[in-house]
N, C-alpha and C. Protein backbone atom coordinates (compact mmCIF):
# COMPACT_ATOMS: atom_id res chain seq x y z
N MET A 1 -33.47 -14.03 -32.68
CA MET A 1 -32.33 -13.62 -33.47
C MET A 1 -31.19 -13.20 -32.53
N ASN A 2 -29.98 -13.71 -32.79
CA ASN A 2 -28.83 -13.44 -31.96
C ASN A 2 -28.06 -12.25 -32.51
N LYS A 3 -28.33 -11.07 -32.00
CA LYS A 3 -27.71 -9.85 -32.51
C LYS A 3 -26.37 -9.63 -31.81
N LYS A 4 -25.34 -9.31 -32.60
CA LYS A 4 -24.02 -9.01 -32.06
C LYS A 4 -24.06 -7.66 -31.35
N PRO A 5 -23.35 -7.56 -30.19
CA PRO A 5 -23.31 -6.27 -29.50
C PRO A 5 -22.63 -5.21 -30.36
N ASN A 6 -23.02 -3.99 -30.17
CA ASN A 6 -22.45 -2.87 -30.91
C ASN A 6 -21.48 -2.13 -30.00
N TYR A 7 -20.18 -2.31 -30.23
CA TYR A 7 -19.17 -1.66 -29.41
C TYR A 7 -18.63 -0.42 -30.11
N ASP A 8 -18.03 0.45 -29.31
CA ASP A 8 -17.33 1.60 -29.85
C ASP A 8 -16.33 1.10 -30.90
N GLU A 9 -16.27 1.78 -32.01
CA GLU A 9 -15.41 1.37 -33.12
C GLU A 9 -13.96 1.16 -32.69
N LYS A 10 -13.50 1.98 -31.75
CA LYS A 10 -12.10 1.91 -31.32
C LYS A 10 -11.77 0.61 -30.60
N ILE A 11 -12.76 -0.03 -29.98
CA ILE A 11 -12.48 -1.24 -29.21
C ILE A 11 -13.22 -2.47 -29.74
N SER A 12 -13.89 -2.34 -30.87
CA SER A 12 -14.71 -3.46 -31.35
C SER A 12 -13.87 -4.70 -31.65
N GLU A 13 -12.70 -4.55 -32.22
CA GLU A 13 -11.84 -5.70 -32.52
C GLU A 13 -11.39 -6.38 -31.22
N GLU A 14 -10.96 -5.58 -30.24
CA GLU A 14 -10.55 -6.13 -28.95
C GLU A 14 -11.69 -6.89 -28.29
N MET A 15 -12.89 -6.33 -28.35
CA MET A 15 -14.04 -6.98 -27.73
C MET A 15 -14.39 -8.29 -28.45
N ARG A 16 -14.27 -8.29 -29.77
CA ARG A 16 -14.53 -9.53 -30.52
C ARG A 16 -13.54 -10.61 -30.09
N ILE A 17 -12.26 -10.25 -29.96
CA ILE A 17 -11.23 -11.20 -29.55
C ILE A 17 -11.51 -11.69 -28.13
N PHE A 18 -11.93 -10.78 -27.24
CA PHE A 18 -12.25 -11.16 -25.86
C PHE A 18 -13.41 -12.15 -25.82
N GLU A 19 -14.46 -11.85 -26.56
CA GLU A 19 -15.61 -12.77 -26.60
C GLU A 19 -15.22 -14.12 -27.17
N ASP A 20 -14.38 -14.13 -28.21
CA ASP A 20 -13.90 -15.40 -28.77
C ASP A 20 -13.10 -16.19 -27.74
N LEU A 21 -12.29 -15.47 -26.96
CA LEU A 21 -11.51 -16.12 -25.90
C LEU A 21 -12.43 -16.77 -24.87
N LEU A 22 -13.46 -16.04 -24.44
CA LEU A 22 -14.40 -16.60 -23.47
C LEU A 22 -15.06 -17.86 -24.02
N ARG A 23 -15.50 -17.80 -25.26
CA ARG A 23 -16.14 -18.98 -25.88
C ARG A 23 -15.17 -20.16 -25.93
N LYS A 24 -13.94 -19.88 -26.35
CA LYS A 24 -12.92 -20.93 -26.47
C LYS A 24 -12.65 -21.59 -25.12
N GLU A 25 -12.67 -20.78 -24.06
CA GLU A 25 -12.42 -21.30 -22.71
C GLU A 25 -13.67 -21.90 -22.07
N GLY A 26 -14.79 -21.83 -22.79
CA GLY A 26 -16.04 -22.37 -22.26
C GLY A 26 -16.64 -21.51 -21.15
N LEU A 27 -16.34 -20.23 -21.19
CA LEU A 27 -16.83 -19.29 -20.17
C LEU A 27 -17.99 -18.48 -20.74
N ARG A 28 -18.91 -18.13 -19.86
CA ARG A 28 -20.06 -17.33 -20.28
C ARG A 28 -19.65 -15.89 -20.56
N ILE A 29 -20.34 -15.29 -21.50
CA ILE A 29 -20.16 -13.87 -21.79
C ILE A 29 -21.17 -13.13 -20.92
N THR A 30 -20.70 -12.62 -19.79
CA THR A 30 -21.60 -11.97 -18.84
C THR A 30 -21.48 -10.46 -18.96
N ALA A 31 -22.47 -9.77 -18.45
CA ALA A 31 -22.46 -8.30 -18.46
C ALA A 31 -21.26 -7.76 -17.69
N GLN A 32 -20.90 -8.43 -16.58
CA GLN A 32 -19.74 -7.99 -15.79
C GLN A 32 -18.46 -8.10 -16.60
N ARG A 33 -18.27 -9.23 -17.25
CA ARG A 33 -17.05 -9.44 -18.04
C ARG A 33 -16.97 -8.43 -19.18
N ILE A 34 -18.08 -8.18 -19.83
CA ILE A 34 -18.11 -7.21 -20.93
C ILE A 34 -17.80 -5.81 -20.43
N LEU A 35 -18.41 -5.41 -19.31
CA LEU A 35 -18.17 -4.08 -18.76
C LEU A 35 -16.70 -3.89 -18.39
N VAL A 36 -16.11 -4.88 -17.74
CA VAL A 36 -14.71 -4.78 -17.34
C VAL A 36 -13.82 -4.72 -18.59
N ALA A 37 -14.07 -5.58 -19.56
CA ALA A 37 -13.26 -5.58 -20.78
C ALA A 37 -13.38 -4.25 -21.53
N LYS A 38 -14.61 -3.72 -21.65
CA LYS A 38 -14.79 -2.42 -22.31
C LYS A 38 -14.02 -1.32 -21.58
N THR A 39 -14.05 -1.36 -20.27
CA THR A 39 -13.32 -0.36 -19.47
C THR A 39 -11.83 -0.48 -19.73
N ILE A 40 -11.30 -1.72 -19.70
CA ILE A 40 -9.87 -1.95 -19.93
C ILE A 40 -9.47 -1.49 -21.33
N PHE A 41 -10.21 -1.89 -22.34
CA PHE A 41 -9.83 -1.54 -23.70
C PHE A 41 -10.02 -0.05 -23.98
N GLY A 42 -10.80 0.63 -23.18
CA GLY A 42 -10.98 2.07 -23.32
C GLY A 42 -9.89 2.87 -22.62
N MET A 43 -9.12 2.19 -21.76
CA MET A 43 -8.03 2.86 -21.04
C MET A 43 -6.76 2.77 -21.89
N HIS A 44 -6.02 3.83 -21.94
CA HIS A 44 -4.77 3.82 -22.71
C HIS A 44 -3.61 4.18 -21.81
N THR A 45 -3.56 3.45 -20.70
CA THR A 45 -2.52 3.66 -19.72
C THR A 45 -2.31 2.36 -18.97
N HIS A 46 -1.24 2.29 -18.22
CA HIS A 46 -1.02 1.14 -17.35
C HIS A 46 -1.96 1.28 -16.16
N PHE A 47 -2.45 0.18 -15.65
CA PHE A 47 -3.38 0.25 -14.53
C PHE A 47 -3.17 -0.94 -13.59
N THR A 48 -3.67 -0.79 -12.39
CA THR A 48 -3.65 -1.86 -11.40
C THR A 48 -5.08 -2.36 -11.21
N ALA A 49 -5.22 -3.48 -10.53
CA ALA A 49 -6.57 -3.98 -10.23
C ALA A 49 -7.33 -2.93 -9.43
N ASP A 50 -6.66 -2.28 -8.48
CA ASP A 50 -7.32 -1.26 -7.66
C ASP A 50 -7.74 -0.04 -8.48
N SER A 51 -6.88 0.39 -9.41
CA SER A 51 -7.26 1.56 -10.22
C SER A 51 -8.39 1.20 -11.18
N LEU A 52 -8.42 -0.05 -11.65
CA LEU A 52 -9.52 -0.50 -12.49
C LEU A 52 -10.82 -0.51 -11.70
N LEU A 53 -10.76 -1.01 -10.48
CA LEU A 53 -11.93 -1.02 -9.61
C LEU A 53 -12.40 0.42 -9.34
N GLU A 54 -11.47 1.34 -9.21
CA GLU A 54 -11.81 2.75 -9.01
C GLU A 54 -12.54 3.30 -10.24
N HIS A 55 -12.12 2.91 -11.44
CA HIS A 55 -12.81 3.32 -12.67
C HIS A 55 -14.25 2.81 -12.69
N LEU A 56 -14.45 1.69 -12.03
CA LEU A 56 -15.77 1.06 -12.02
C LEU A 56 -16.52 1.30 -10.71
N LYS A 57 -16.12 2.34 -9.98
CA LYS A 57 -16.67 2.56 -8.64
C LYS A 57 -18.19 2.68 -8.61
N ASP A 58 -18.79 3.19 -9.67
CA ASP A 58 -20.25 3.30 -9.71
C ASP A 58 -20.93 1.94 -9.83
N ARG A 59 -20.15 0.92 -10.19
CA ARG A 59 -20.70 -0.42 -10.40
C ARG A 59 -20.22 -1.41 -9.33
N ARG A 60 -19.67 -0.92 -8.22
CA ARG A 60 -19.08 -1.78 -7.21
C ARG A 60 -20.04 -2.83 -6.67
N GLY A 61 -21.31 -2.52 -6.63
CA GLY A 61 -22.27 -3.51 -6.16
C GLY A 61 -22.36 -4.72 -7.07
N GLU A 62 -22.05 -4.49 -8.35
CA GLU A 62 -22.13 -5.56 -9.35
C GLU A 62 -20.78 -6.27 -9.55
N ILE A 63 -19.68 -5.55 -9.36
CA ILE A 63 -18.37 -6.08 -9.70
C ILE A 63 -17.46 -6.02 -8.48
N SER A 64 -17.07 -7.18 -8.01
CA SER A 64 -16.20 -7.26 -6.84
C SER A 64 -14.74 -7.26 -7.28
N LYS A 65 -13.85 -7.09 -6.31
CA LYS A 65 -12.42 -7.14 -6.58
C LYS A 65 -12.04 -8.55 -7.07
N ALA A 66 -12.67 -9.56 -6.49
CA ALA A 66 -12.39 -10.95 -6.91
C ALA A 66 -12.77 -11.14 -8.38
N THR A 67 -13.88 -10.56 -8.79
CA THR A 67 -14.30 -10.66 -10.20
C THR A 67 -13.28 -9.98 -11.09
N ILE A 68 -12.80 -8.82 -10.67
CA ILE A 68 -11.77 -8.09 -11.43
C ILE A 68 -10.55 -8.99 -11.62
N TYR A 69 -10.07 -9.60 -10.53
CA TYR A 69 -8.88 -10.45 -10.61
C TYR A 69 -9.11 -11.66 -11.52
N ARG A 70 -10.29 -12.25 -11.49
CA ARG A 70 -10.58 -13.39 -12.37
C ARG A 70 -10.55 -12.96 -13.83
N ILE A 71 -11.15 -11.81 -14.12
CA ILE A 71 -11.17 -11.32 -15.51
C ILE A 71 -9.76 -10.95 -15.97
N LEU A 72 -8.98 -10.31 -15.10
CA LEU A 72 -7.59 -9.99 -15.45
C LEU A 72 -6.81 -11.26 -15.77
N SER A 73 -6.99 -12.28 -14.97
CA SER A 73 -6.30 -13.55 -15.17
C SER A 73 -6.68 -14.17 -16.52
N ILE A 74 -7.96 -14.16 -16.84
CA ILE A 74 -8.43 -14.69 -18.13
C ILE A 74 -7.77 -13.91 -19.27
N MET A 75 -7.73 -12.59 -19.15
CA MET A 75 -7.21 -11.75 -20.22
C MET A 75 -5.69 -11.88 -20.37
N VAL A 76 -4.98 -12.08 -19.26
CA VAL A 76 -3.53 -12.28 -19.33
C VAL A 76 -3.24 -13.63 -19.98
N SER A 77 -3.93 -14.68 -19.52
CA SER A 77 -3.67 -16.01 -20.09
C SER A 77 -4.08 -16.08 -21.56
N GLY A 78 -5.02 -15.25 -21.98
CA GLY A 78 -5.44 -15.20 -23.38
C GLY A 78 -4.63 -14.23 -24.23
N ASN A 79 -3.55 -13.67 -23.65
CA ASN A 79 -2.67 -12.72 -24.36
C ASN A 79 -3.39 -11.46 -24.84
N LEU A 80 -4.37 -11.01 -24.06
CA LEU A 80 -5.04 -9.73 -24.34
C LEU A 80 -4.45 -8.62 -23.48
N LEU A 81 -3.88 -9.02 -22.34
CA LEU A 81 -3.26 -8.08 -21.41
C LEU A 81 -1.84 -8.53 -21.12
N SER A 82 -0.99 -7.58 -20.86
CA SER A 82 0.34 -7.86 -20.38
C SER A 82 0.37 -7.50 -18.90
N GLU A 83 0.98 -8.37 -18.12
CA GLU A 83 1.09 -8.16 -16.67
C GLU A 83 2.53 -7.76 -16.37
N HIS A 84 2.71 -6.71 -15.59
CA HIS A 84 4.04 -6.20 -15.28
C HIS A 84 4.27 -6.13 -13.78
N ASN A 85 5.47 -6.50 -13.38
CA ASN A 85 5.90 -6.30 -12.01
C ASN A 85 6.95 -5.20 -12.06
N PHE A 86 6.55 -4.02 -11.66
CA PHE A 86 7.45 -2.88 -11.70
C PHE A 86 8.07 -2.63 -10.33
N GLY A 87 8.35 -3.73 -9.59
CA GLY A 87 9.03 -3.61 -8.31
C GLY A 87 8.13 -3.17 -7.18
N LYS A 88 6.83 -3.35 -7.32
CA LYS A 88 5.86 -2.97 -6.29
C LYS A 88 5.21 -4.23 -5.73
N ASP A 89 4.36 -4.06 -4.73
CA ASP A 89 3.63 -5.17 -4.14
C ASP A 89 2.39 -5.52 -4.95
N TYR A 90 2.21 -4.90 -6.07
CA TYR A 90 1.04 -5.11 -6.91
C TYR A 90 1.49 -5.13 -8.37
N LYS A 91 0.64 -5.67 -9.20
CA LYS A 91 0.95 -5.79 -10.62
C LYS A 91 0.29 -4.64 -11.40
N TYR A 92 0.93 -4.29 -12.49
CA TYR A 92 0.37 -3.35 -13.45
C TYR A 92 -0.05 -4.15 -14.68
N TYR A 93 -1.04 -3.64 -15.38
CA TYR A 93 -1.54 -4.28 -16.59
C TYR A 93 -1.65 -3.24 -17.69
N GLU A 94 -1.60 -3.72 -18.94
CA GLU A 94 -1.91 -2.89 -20.09
C GLU A 94 -2.43 -3.81 -21.18
N HIS A 95 -3.38 -3.30 -21.97
CA HIS A 95 -3.88 -4.15 -23.05
C HIS A 95 -2.90 -4.08 -24.20
N ILE A 96 -2.76 -5.22 -24.88
CA ILE A 96 -1.71 -5.34 -25.88
C ILE A 96 -2.22 -5.67 -27.27
N VAL A 97 -3.51 -5.90 -27.41
CA VAL A 97 -4.06 -6.21 -28.72
C VAL A 97 -3.90 -4.99 -29.62
N GLY A 98 -3.22 -5.18 -30.73
CA GLY A 98 -3.04 -4.09 -31.68
C GLY A 98 -1.97 -3.08 -31.27
N HIS A 99 -1.25 -3.34 -30.20
CA HIS A 99 -0.20 -2.42 -29.74
C HIS A 99 1.16 -2.99 -30.11
N GLU A 100 2.04 -2.13 -30.54
CA GLU A 100 3.39 -2.54 -30.87
C GLU A 100 4.18 -2.82 -29.59
N HIS A 101 5.19 -3.69 -29.73
CA HIS A 101 6.08 -3.97 -28.60
C HIS A 101 6.77 -2.68 -28.15
N HIS A 102 6.93 -2.53 -26.85
CA HIS A 102 7.64 -1.39 -26.31
C HIS A 102 8.24 -1.77 -24.97
N ASP A 103 9.13 -0.94 -24.49
CA ASP A 103 9.77 -1.14 -23.19
C ASP A 103 9.34 -0.02 -22.28
N HIS A 104 9.79 -0.08 -21.02
CA HIS A 104 9.31 0.87 -20.01
C HIS A 104 10.45 1.48 -19.20
N ILE A 105 10.27 2.73 -18.84
CA ILE A 105 11.09 3.39 -17.82
C ILE A 105 10.13 3.76 -16.70
N ILE A 106 10.48 3.39 -15.46
CA ILE A 106 9.59 3.60 -14.32
C ILE A 106 10.31 4.46 -13.27
N CYS A 107 9.69 5.56 -12.86
CA CYS A 107 10.26 6.40 -11.80
C CYS A 107 10.06 5.68 -10.46
N GLU A 108 11.13 5.50 -9.73
CA GLU A 108 11.06 4.83 -8.43
C GLU A 108 10.40 5.69 -7.36
N ASP A 109 10.30 6.99 -7.62
CA ASP A 109 9.68 7.88 -6.64
C ASP A 109 8.19 8.07 -6.89
N CYS A 110 7.81 8.41 -8.12
CA CYS A 110 6.41 8.75 -8.38
C CYS A 110 5.65 7.68 -9.17
N ASN A 111 6.35 6.61 -9.57
CA ASN A 111 5.74 5.50 -10.32
C ASN A 111 5.33 5.88 -11.74
N ARG A 112 5.75 7.03 -12.23
CA ARG A 112 5.44 7.40 -13.61
C ARG A 112 6.04 6.36 -14.54
N ILE A 113 5.27 5.94 -15.53
CA ILE A 113 5.71 4.92 -16.47
C ILE A 113 5.76 5.55 -17.86
N VAL A 114 6.92 5.46 -18.49
CA VAL A 114 7.10 6.00 -19.83
C VAL A 114 7.43 4.83 -20.75
N GLU A 115 6.69 4.72 -21.84
CA GLU A 115 6.94 3.68 -22.83
C GLU A 115 7.91 4.22 -23.87
N PHE A 116 8.77 3.32 -24.37
CA PHE A 116 9.69 3.73 -25.43
C PHE A 116 10.02 2.53 -26.31
N THR A 117 10.46 2.82 -27.50
CA THR A 117 10.98 1.79 -28.40
C THR A 117 12.36 2.23 -28.87
N SER A 118 13.21 1.24 -29.08
CA SER A 118 14.56 1.53 -29.56
C SER A 118 15.01 0.39 -30.46
N PRO A 119 15.06 0.63 -31.76
CA PRO A 119 15.54 -0.41 -32.67
C PRO A 119 16.95 -0.89 -32.31
N GLU A 120 17.79 0.04 -31.81
CA GLU A 120 19.15 -0.33 -31.44
C GLU A 120 19.16 -1.33 -30.28
N ILE A 121 18.31 -1.10 -29.27
CA ILE A 121 18.22 -2.02 -28.13
C ILE A 121 17.68 -3.37 -28.60
N GLU A 122 16.68 -3.35 -29.46
CA GLU A 122 16.10 -4.61 -29.96
C GLU A 122 17.18 -5.42 -30.68
N THR A 123 17.94 -4.77 -31.55
CA THR A 123 19.00 -5.44 -32.30
C THR A 123 20.05 -6.00 -31.34
N LEU A 124 20.46 -5.20 -30.38
CA LEU A 124 21.48 -5.61 -29.42
C LEU A 124 21.02 -6.83 -28.61
N GLN A 125 19.76 -6.84 -28.20
CA GLN A 125 19.25 -7.99 -27.42
C GLN A 125 19.30 -9.27 -28.24
N HIS A 126 18.93 -9.18 -29.52
CA HIS A 126 19.00 -10.35 -30.40
C HIS A 126 20.44 -10.82 -30.59
N GLN A 127 21.36 -9.85 -30.75
CA GLN A 127 22.78 -10.20 -30.92
C GLN A 127 23.33 -10.89 -29.67
N ILE A 128 23.00 -10.36 -28.51
CA ILE A 128 23.47 -10.96 -27.25
C ILE A 128 22.92 -12.37 -27.09
N ALA A 129 21.62 -12.53 -27.32
CA ALA A 129 21.01 -13.87 -27.21
C ALA A 129 21.69 -14.84 -28.16
N LYS A 130 21.89 -14.42 -29.40
CA LYS A 130 22.53 -15.27 -30.42
C LYS A 130 23.95 -15.64 -29.98
N SER A 131 24.70 -14.67 -29.44
CA SER A 131 26.08 -14.94 -29.03
C SER A 131 26.15 -15.91 -27.85
N LYS A 132 25.06 -16.03 -27.12
CA LYS A 132 24.99 -16.95 -25.98
C LYS A 132 24.31 -18.27 -26.37
N GLY A 133 23.98 -18.42 -27.67
CA GLY A 133 23.40 -19.66 -28.14
C GLY A 133 21.89 -19.74 -28.04
N PHE A 134 21.22 -18.59 -28.06
CA PHE A 134 19.76 -18.55 -27.95
C PHE A 134 19.14 -17.87 -29.17
N ASP A 135 17.91 -18.27 -29.48
CA ASP A 135 17.07 -17.53 -30.42
C ASP A 135 16.05 -16.79 -29.57
N LEU A 136 16.15 -15.48 -29.52
CA LEU A 136 15.27 -14.67 -28.68
C LEU A 136 13.83 -14.76 -29.19
N THR A 137 12.90 -15.11 -28.29
CA THR A 137 11.49 -15.21 -28.66
C THR A 137 10.64 -14.10 -28.06
N GLY A 138 11.19 -13.36 -27.13
CA GLY A 138 10.47 -12.25 -26.52
C GLY A 138 11.26 -11.71 -25.34
N HIS A 139 10.83 -10.58 -24.86
CA HIS A 139 11.47 -10.01 -23.67
C HIS A 139 10.60 -8.89 -23.10
N LYS A 140 10.93 -8.54 -21.86
CA LYS A 140 10.35 -7.35 -21.22
C LYS A 140 11.52 -6.59 -20.63
N LEU A 141 11.67 -5.36 -21.06
CA LEU A 141 12.74 -4.51 -20.56
C LEU A 141 12.11 -3.38 -19.75
N ASN A 142 12.45 -3.35 -18.48
CA ASN A 142 11.98 -2.29 -17.58
C ASN A 142 13.20 -1.60 -16.99
N LEU A 143 13.31 -0.32 -17.22
CA LEU A 143 14.39 0.48 -16.65
C LEU A 143 13.83 1.25 -15.47
N PHE A 144 14.51 1.15 -14.34
CA PHE A 144 14.08 1.87 -13.13
C PHE A 144 14.98 3.08 -12.96
N ALA A 145 14.37 4.22 -12.70
CA ALA A 145 15.10 5.48 -12.65
C ALA A 145 14.41 6.43 -11.68
N LYS A 146 14.91 7.63 -11.60
CA LYS A 146 14.30 8.70 -10.82
C LYS A 146 14.12 9.88 -11.77
N CYS A 147 13.02 10.59 -11.63
CA CYS A 147 12.78 11.74 -12.49
C CYS A 147 13.98 12.68 -12.40
N GLU A 148 14.46 13.09 -13.54
CA GLU A 148 15.63 13.95 -13.60
C GLU A 148 15.33 15.32 -13.01
N LYS A 149 14.15 15.85 -13.33
CA LYS A 149 13.74 17.15 -12.82
C LYS A 149 12.80 16.92 -11.65
N ARG A 150 13.28 17.07 -10.46
CA ARG A 150 12.50 16.78 -9.26
C ARG A 150 11.19 17.55 -9.21
N GLU A 151 11.17 18.78 -9.76
CA GLU A 151 9.95 19.58 -9.70
C GLU A 151 8.84 19.00 -10.57
N SER A 152 9.18 18.15 -11.55
CA SER A 152 8.15 17.53 -12.37
C SER A 152 7.74 16.15 -11.85
N CYS A 153 8.41 15.67 -10.83
CA CYS A 153 8.12 14.34 -10.26
C CYS A 153 6.94 14.46 -9.29
N GLU A 154 5.90 13.68 -9.55
CA GLU A 154 4.69 13.73 -8.72
C GLU A 154 4.99 13.43 -7.24
N HIS A 155 5.93 12.53 -6.98
CA HIS A 155 6.30 12.18 -5.60
C HIS A 155 6.80 13.42 -4.86
N PHE A 156 7.68 14.18 -5.49
CA PHE A 156 8.25 15.35 -4.84
C PHE A 156 7.27 16.51 -4.79
N LYS A 157 6.38 16.60 -5.80
CA LYS A 157 5.34 17.63 -5.75
C LYS A 157 4.46 17.41 -4.54
N LYS A 158 4.00 16.18 -4.32
CA LYS A 158 3.13 15.87 -3.18
C LYS A 158 3.85 16.11 -1.86
N LYS A 159 5.11 15.70 -1.81
CA LYS A 159 5.91 15.85 -0.59
C LYS A 159 6.07 17.33 -0.25
N ASN A 160 6.36 18.16 -1.25
CA ASN A 160 6.56 19.60 -1.04
C ASN A 160 5.24 20.31 -0.76
N ASP A 161 4.14 19.85 -1.38
CA ASP A 161 2.83 20.47 -1.15
C ASP A 161 2.39 20.25 0.30
N SER A 162 2.79 19.14 0.89
CA SER A 162 2.36 18.86 2.27
C SER A 162 3.08 19.73 3.29
N HIS A 163 4.16 20.37 2.87
CA HIS A 163 4.90 21.24 3.78
C HIS A 163 4.47 22.69 3.72
N ILE A 164 3.48 22.98 2.88
CA ILE A 164 3.02 24.38 2.71
C ILE A 164 2.07 24.73 3.81
């Protein structure tokens, strides 16, 4: 009897979609892929491949960095993850299944990422695209800034703590 895995209720839909994606691509549903996907869908923050590997540090013997990158690639191409270039030498990811569209503000000093939505910005982007002869089908808006209050910026906290 082929029993369906029992996932946490919060991520069961995401896991079903992930397994369907693997089947559609002709890929095996392996314990490694399931563990990585469960970890990703359980995270509610932006992450890098390295931070994901850190979350899985107890399983490093089973899951290599190359495996992480392969799974991330599968999930991005299957529209389960969004890949972001926030001006760094590495990519950030976030799962997007069941999440509303949003934009980002990124601190250039501490890398803090704040998500926001603005109906006014959405409307303006559509108006601009239309005025230029386009039908907008999607976008990614990333605003780069510096924390207004330096004392709350992690970069400056670390810098000042090292001088104590």
